[in-house]
Amino acid sequence: MYAETLKLIATFAERQPSPVLPSRLDPLFRRLAATTLPIEANQTEDRIWELWMTHPNAAAARMLDRAATDIAARLYDIAETRLGTLLRALPDFPEAWNKRATLYYLLERDDDFVRDVHRTLQLEPRHFGAICGFAEVCLGRGQRAAALFAFRAALRINPHLAEVKKTVAGLDSGGLGTPH
C-alpha cells in the first residue's frame, strides 16, 4: 500500500477531487500556492481545513467534529467507532478518512494509517495534511527517499508549511529531522 500511495501523491496534480468537496476549495488552493503573505496563507489554510470538515450532510459534519473532539480528548475507542460508522454511511467523505488516519497515526497503527491516507488521497489529491502524515510514517520506517518525495509534494500544494521546509532541508543535508 505504501508504493500505491506514493503513486497517488506523484499524480496529485492530474487527478480531480471528489465531487462531494465544495468547489470553493479550488480558488483557495490557487491562492495558497500563489500568496507570499504569511497572514493570507494562514487564513487560506484555515479556510481549506474548515471546508474539508464540512459535508452536504450536516449530521455527518457534526459527527466528524465530535470524532475530532474525541481524538483530542484521547477517547480513541469512541472516535474509532464514530468514524467507522460515519465511513460506512458516507464512504466518499475525504476528511472522515483523514481523521481516522490521524487516529491510527496516534495509535501507531501504520498500516491502517496508510490505508486510510490512501483513501483520503483518492478522494482529495491536494490533502497536504495527509501527504505530510504519510511522509512522517515513511521517515519513521527509514524510507527517507519516499518521505522526501512526499514532503516536497505537500510543499507544492502548500508552500507555507514551515516545519516541512525545515525537515526537507534537514533531509537534503543528510540529517534525520522530523516535523513537529
Protein backbone atom coordinates (compact mmCIF):
# COMPACT_ATOMS: atom_id res chain seq x y z
CA MET A 1 0.00 0.00 0.00
CA TYR A 2 2.98 2.33 0.55
CA ALA A 3 4.06 2.20 -3.11
CA GLU A 4 0.47 2.71 -4.31
CA THR A 5 0.09 5.72 -2.02
CA LEU A 6 3.31 7.20 -3.39
CA LYS A 7 1.83 6.83 -6.88
CA LEU A 8 -1.26 8.78 -5.75
CA ILE A 9 0.98 11.50 -4.37
CA ALA A 10 3.01 11.60 -7.59
CA THR A 11 -0.13 12.16 -9.66
CA PHE A 12 -1.99 14.57 -7.37
CA ALA A 13 -1.99 17.41 -9.92
CA GLU A 14 -3.55 15.18 -12.59
CA ARG A 15 -6.44 13.88 -10.51
CA GLN A 16 -9.74 15.54 -9.67
CA PRO A 17 -11.05 15.84 -6.13
CA SER A 18 -14.25 14.10 -5.12
CA PRO A 19 -17.44 15.89 -6.18
CA VAL A 20 -18.53 15.84 -2.53
CA LEU A 21 -15.90 18.52 -1.86
CA PRO A 22 -17.03 22.12 -2.26
CA SER A 23 -15.85 23.81 -5.47
CA ARG A 24 -14.92 26.79 -3.28
CA LEU A 25 -11.74 24.86 -2.44
CA ASP A 26 -10.29 25.33 -5.94
CA PRO A 27 -9.63 29.09 -5.72
CA LEU A 28 -8.38 28.66 -2.16
CA PHE A 29 -5.72 26.19 -3.30
CA ARG A 30 -4.69 28.58 -6.07
CA ARG A 31 -4.43 31.43 -3.57
CA LEU A 32 -2.47 29.26 -1.12
CA ALA A 33 0.08 28.37 -3.79
CA ALA A 34 0.39 31.95 -5.07
CA THR A 35 0.44 34.13 -1.98
CA THR A 36 3.64 35.38 -0.43
CA LEU A 37 1.88 36.96 2.55
CA PRO A 38 2.05 34.78 5.68
CA ILE A 39 -1.22 36.08 7.12
CA GLU A 40 -3.07 35.38 3.86
CA ALA A 41 -1.51 31.91 3.69
CA ASN A 42 -2.59 31.13 7.27
CA GLN A 43 -6.13 32.39 6.69
CA THR A 44 -6.39 30.46 3.43
CA GLU A 45 -5.11 27.25 5.01
CA ASP A 46 -7.59 27.65 7.87
CA ARG A 47 -10.44 28.10 5.38
CA ILE A 48 -9.36 24.96 3.49
CA TRP A 49 -9.44 22.94 6.71
CA GLU A 50 -12.89 24.37 7.55
CA LEU A 51 -14.23 23.32 4.16
CA TRP A 52 -12.66 19.86 4.44
CA MET A 53 -14.54 19.42 7.71
CA THR A 54 -17.88 20.29 6.09
CA HIS A 55 -20.20 17.97 4.24
CA PRO A 56 -23.52 18.47 2.43
CA ASN A 57 -25.00 16.23 5.13
CA ALA A 58 -24.87 18.46 8.23
CA ALA A 59 -25.23 15.47 10.58
CA ALA A 60 -22.12 13.93 9.02
CA ALA A 61 -20.15 17.14 9.58
CA ARG A 62 -21.28 17.18 13.23
CA MET A 63 -20.25 13.54 13.67
CA LEU A 64 -16.84 14.30 12.18
CA ASP A 65 -16.44 17.24 14.53
CA ARG A 66 -17.36 15.03 17.50
CA ALA A 67 -14.81 12.43 16.38
CA ALA A 68 -12.13 15.13 16.17
CA THR A 69 -13.06 16.22 19.70
CA ASP A 70 -12.87 12.59 20.85
CA ILE A 71 -9.39 12.27 19.35
CA ALA A 72 -8.25 15.47 21.05
CA ALA A 73 -9.62 14.12 24.35
CA ARG A 74 -7.83 10.79 23.74
CA LEU A 75 -11.14 8.94 23.62
CA TYR A 76 -9.72 6.80 20.85
CA ASP A 77 -12.16 3.88 21.04
CA ILE A 78 -15.13 6.22 20.82
CA ALA A 79 -13.53 8.16 17.94
CA GLU A 80 -12.79 4.96 16.04
CA THR A 81 -16.36 3.71 16.47
CA ARG A 82 -17.81 7.07 15.45
CA LEU A 83 -15.56 7.32 12.38
CA GLY A 84 -16.26 3.73 11.36
CA THR A 85 -19.98 4.43 11.48
CA LEU A 86 -19.54 7.64 9.52
CA LEU A 87 -17.42 5.98 6.84
CA ARG A 88 -19.85 3.10 6.40
CA ALA A 89 -22.61 5.65 5.78
CA LEU A 90 -20.53 8.07 3.68
CA PRO A 91 -17.51 6.29 2.18
CA ASP A 92 -16.75 9.26 -0.08
CA PHE A 93 -16.13 11.76 2.75
CA PRO A 94 -12.40 12.53 2.45
CA GLU A 95 -11.89 14.23 5.80
CA ALA A 96 -13.53 11.35 7.67
CA TRP A 97 -10.87 9.06 6.18
CA ASN A 98 -8.18 11.56 7.11
CA LYS A 99 -9.42 11.86 10.70
CA ARG A 100 -9.41 8.09 11.10
CA ALA A 101 -5.91 8.03 9.58
CA THR A 102 -4.89 10.61 12.19
CA LEU A 103 -6.32 8.38 14.90
CA TYR A 104 -4.35 5.40 13.57
CA TYR A 105 -1.21 7.54 13.41
CA LEU A 106 -1.61 8.39 17.09
CA LEU A 107 -2.14 4.70 17.88
CA GLU A 108 0.98 3.82 15.83
CA ARG A 109 -1.06 1.56 13.56
CA ASP A 110 0.97 2.43 10.48
CA ASP A 111 -0.62 0.00 8.02
CA ASP A 112 -4.14 1.12 9.00
CA PHE A 113 -2.96 4.72 8.79
CA VAL A 114 -1.58 4.28 5.27
CA ARG A 115 -4.74 2.52 4.09
CA ASP A 116 -6.89 5.44 5.24
CA VAL A 117 -4.47 8.07 3.90
CA HIS A 118 -4.57 6.26 0.58
CA ARG A 119 -8.35 6.58 0.50
CA THR A 120 -8.14 10.23 1.61
CA LEU A 121 -5.81 10.98 -1.31
CA GLN A 122 -8.01 9.13 -3.77
CA LEU A 123 -10.82 11.49 -2.80
CA GLU A 124 -8.78 14.67 -2.16
CA PRO A 125 -5.47 14.58 -4.05
CA ARG A 126 -4.50 18.00 -2.63
CA HIS A 127 -4.68 16.94 1.02
CA PHE A 128 -1.31 18.27 2.16
CA GLY A 129 -2.01 17.16 5.74
CA ALA A 130 -2.47 13.54 4.71
CA ILE A 131 0.61 13.72 2.50
CA CYS A 132 2.72 15.09 5.35
CA GLY A 133 1.46 12.37 7.69
CA PHE A 134 2.36 9.75 5.12
CA ALA A 135 5.83 11.30 4.80
CA GLU A 136 6.30 11.17 8.57
CA VAL A 137 5.40 7.47 8.64
CA CYS A 138 7.81 6.80 5.78
CA LEU A 139 10.53 8.67 7.64
CA GLY A 140 9.83 6.64 10.78
CA ARG A 141 10.22 3.46 8.75
CA GLY A 142 13.57 4.61 7.40
CA GLN A 143 12.20 5.33 3.92
CA ARG A 144 13.96 8.68 3.52
CA ALA A 145 13.55 8.97 -0.25
CA ALA A 146 9.80 8.32 -0.06
CA ALA A 147 9.44 10.76 2.83
CA LEU A 148 11.35 13.46 0.99
CA PHE A 149 9.28 12.92 -2.16
CA ALA A 150 6.02 13.21 -0.20
CA PHE A 151 7.15 16.26 1.80
CA ARG A 152 8.12 18.00 -1.45
CA ALA A 153 4.72 17.18 -2.96
CA ALA A 154 2.99 18.68 0.09
CA LEU A 155 5.07 21.84 -0.34
CA ARG A 156 3.98 22.11 -3.99
CA ILE A 157 0.39 22.23 -2.74
CA ASN A 158 1.06 24.36 0.35
CA PRO A 159 4.43 26.11 0.18
CA HIS A 160 3.85 27.70 3.60
CA LEU A 161 4.47 24.62 5.76
CA ALA A 162 7.42 25.95 7.76
CA GLU A 163 8.19 22.74 9.68
CA VAL A 164 8.05 20.71 6.49
CA LYS A 165 10.51 23.12 4.86
CA LYS A 166 12.88 22.60 7.80
CA THR A 167 12.51 18.83 7.56
CA VAL A 168 13.20 18.86 3.82
CA ALA A 169 16.29 21.00 4.37
CA GLY A 170 17.46 18.57 7.05
CA LEU A 171 16.88 15.57 4.81
CA ASP A 172 18.60 17.28 1.90
CA SER A 173 21.65 17.89 4.07
CA GLY A 174 21.71 14.27 5.26
CA GLY A 175 20.01 14.86 8.61
CA LEU A 176 17.07 12.94 10.03
CA GLY A 177 14.95 15.91 11.09
CA THR A 178 11.25 15.24 11.54
CA PRO A 179 8.42 17.75 11.66
CA HIS A 180 6.86 18.60 14.99
